[in-house]
Amino acid sequence: MMQSCKLHECTANAALDKPALQSTTFRSKVAANAVDNDETTSACTKYKSPEPWWSVDLGEAKDVSCVCVTNDNHRRYG
């Protein structure tokens, strides 16, 4: 069962530097930014994109017990 967690509570990052994709890209906020372990970068789809999505290929089946996702939607990009 998946449980919610606090940022940095997960003990391993299975997504680190793995191939990532998203439905659209806003400016230079590519999907790979979400898995680069750099808190100064972020991934972002285009504003008002219909059905936006983001994915990461872990390369193999993994048992996942914790997923941490942060959202910077409080920032305004224009």
C-alpha atoms as a PDB file:
ATOM      1  CA  MET A   1       0.000   0.000   0.000  1.00  0.00           C
ATOM      2  CA  MET A   2       1.330   3.433  -0.975  1.00  0.00           C
ATOM      3  CA  GLN A   3       1.643   5.906   1.874  1.00  0.00           C
ATOM      4  CA  SER A   4       2.127   9.636   1.773  1.00  0.00           C
ATOM      5  CA  CYS A   5       5.486  10.896   2.961  1.00  0.00           C
ATOM      6  CA  LYS A   6       7.290  14.082   3.838  1.00  0.00           C
ATOM      7  CA  LEU A   7       9.943  15.533   1.555  1.00  0.00           C
ATOM      8  CA  HIS A   8      13.275  13.736   1.991  1.00  0.00           C
ATOM      9  CA  GLU A   9      11.648  10.966   4.060  1.00  0.00           C
ATOM     10  CA  CYS A  10      12.247   8.354   1.370  1.00  0.00           C
ATOM     11  CA  THR A  11      15.491   6.472   1.899  1.00  0.00           C
ATOM     12  CA  ALA A  12      16.298   5.737  -1.768  1.00  0.00           C
ATOM     13  CA  ASN A  13      15.672   7.564  -5.019  1.00  0.00           C
ATOM     14  CA  ALA A  14      14.927   4.922  -7.657  1.00  0.00           C
ATOM     15  CA  ALA A  15      14.192   7.675 -10.211  1.00  0.00           C
ATOM     16  CA  LEU A  16      17.521   9.504  -9.907  1.00  0.00           C
ATOM     17  CA  ASP A  17      18.791  10.341 -13.403  1.00  0.00           C
ATOM     18  CA  LYS A  18      16.390   7.856 -15.056  1.00  0.00           C
ATOM     19  CA  PRO A  19      14.702   8.740 -18.375  1.00  0.00           C
ATOM     20  CA  ALA A  20      11.697  10.994 -17.816  1.00  0.00           C
ATOM     21  CA  LEU A  21       8.995  12.292 -20.162  1.00  0.00           C
ATOM     22  CA  GLN A  22       6.145  14.787 -19.939  1.00  0.00           C
ATOM     23  CA  SER A  23       3.222  15.741 -22.140  1.00  0.00           C
ATOM     24  CA  THR A  24       4.507  19.254 -22.971  1.00  0.00           C
ATOM     25  CA  THR A  25       7.428  21.412 -21.844  1.00  0.00           C
ATOM     26  CA  PHE A  26       7.265  24.964 -20.554  1.00  0.00           C
ATOM     27  CA  ARG A  27      10.407  26.934 -21.378  1.00  0.00           C
ATOM     28  CA  SER A  28      13.467  24.909 -20.309  1.00  0.00           C
ATOM     29  CA  LYS A  29      11.646  22.959 -17.582  1.00  0.00           C
ATOM     30  CA  VAL A  30      12.207  19.521 -19.130  1.00  0.00           C
ATOM     31  CA  ALA A  31      11.062  16.278 -17.502  1.00  0.00           C
ATOM     32  CA  ALA A  32      14.643  15.249 -16.648  1.00  0.00           C
ATOM     33  CA  ASN A  33      14.842  18.169 -14.209  1.00  0.00           C
ATOM     34  CA  ALA A  34      12.450  16.320 -11.897  1.00  0.00           C
ATOM     35  CA  VAL A  35      14.891  13.441 -11.396  1.00  0.00           C
ATOM     36  CA  ASP A  36      18.238  15.291 -11.286  1.00  0.00           C
ATOM     37  CA  ASN A  37      18.325  15.706  -7.472  1.00  0.00           C
ATOM     38  CA  ASP A  38      18.795  19.463  -7.925  1.00  0.00           C
ATOM     39  CA  GLU A  39      16.229  21.472  -5.973  1.00  0.00           C
ATOM     40  CA  THR A  40      16.949  24.562  -8.092  1.00  0.00           C
ATOM     41  CA  THR A  41      15.534  22.911 -11.233  1.00  0.00           C
ATOM     42  CA  SER A  42      12.012  21.758 -11.962  1.00  0.00           C
ATOM     43  CA  ALA A  43       9.918  20.145 -14.654  1.00  0.00           C
ATOM     44  CA  CYS A  44       6.842  21.949 -15.906  1.00  0.00           C
ATOM     45  CA  THR A  45       4.210  21.360 -18.559  1.00  0.00           C
ATOM     46  CA  LYS A  46       2.752  24.248 -20.518  1.00  0.00           C
ATOM     47  CA  TYR A  47       0.147  26.333 -18.693  1.00  0.00           C
ATOM     48  CA  LYS A  48      -3.397  25.084 -19.252  1.00  0.00           C
ATOM     49  CA  SER A  49      -2.242  21.954 -21.085  1.00  0.00           C
ATOM     50  CA  PRO A  50      -5.160  19.546 -21.409  1.00  0.00           C
ATOM     51  CA  GLU A  51      -4.493  16.399 -19.374  1.00  0.00           C
ATOM     52  CA  PRO A  52      -0.852  17.073 -18.473  1.00  0.00           C
ATOM     53  CA  TRP A  53       1.271  14.083 -17.435  1.00  0.00           C
ATOM     54  CA  TRP A  54       4.802  13.251 -16.369  1.00  0.00           C
ATOM     55  CA  SER A  55       6.486   9.828 -16.197  1.00  0.00           C
ATOM     56  CA  VAL A  56       9.797   8.208 -15.341  1.00  0.00           C
ATOM     57  CA  ASP A  57      11.177   4.872 -16.553  1.00  0.00           C
ATOM     58  CA  LEU A  58      12.787   3.113 -13.590  1.00  0.00           C
ATOM     59  CA  GLY A  59      14.345   0.572 -15.949  1.00  0.00           C
ATOM     60  CA  GLU A  60      12.989  -2.453 -14.112  1.00  0.00           C
ATOM     61  CA  ALA A  61      10.183  -3.492 -11.816  1.00  0.00           C
ATOM     62  CA  LYS A  62      10.606  -2.024  -8.332  1.00  0.00           C
ATOM     63  CA  ASP A  63       8.777  -2.416  -5.048  1.00  0.00           C
ATOM     64  CA  VAL A  64       7.821   1.157  -4.222  1.00  0.00           C
ATOM     65  CA  SER A  65       6.665   2.049  -0.734  1.00  0.00           C
ATOM     66  CA  CYS A  66       7.107   5.835  -0.808  1.00  0.00           C
ATOM     67  CA  VAL A  67       6.723   8.458  -3.518  1.00  0.00           C
ATOM     68  CA  CYS A  68       7.693  12.064  -2.847  1.00  0.00           C
ATOM     69  CA  VAL A  69       6.455  14.710  -5.266  1.00  0.00           C
ATOM     70  CA  THR A  70       6.873  18.425  -4.726  1.00  0.00           C
ATOM     71  CA  ASN A  71       4.876  21.039  -6.564  1.00  0.00           C
ATOM     72  CA  ASP A  72       6.052  24.562  -7.203  1.00  0.00           C
ATOM     73  CA  ASN A  73       2.718  25.810  -8.554  1.00  0.00           C
ATOM     74  CA  HIS A  74       2.919  28.725  -6.127  1.00  0.00           C
ATOM     75  CA  ARG A  75       5.459  30.292  -8.483  1.00  0.00           C
ATOM     76  CA  ARG A  76       4.195  32.372 -11.379  1.00  0.00           C
ATOM     77  CA  TYR A  77       5.883  32.027 -14.735  1.00  0.00           C
ATOM     78  CA  GLY A  78       4.926  34.440 -17.433  1.00  0.00           C
END
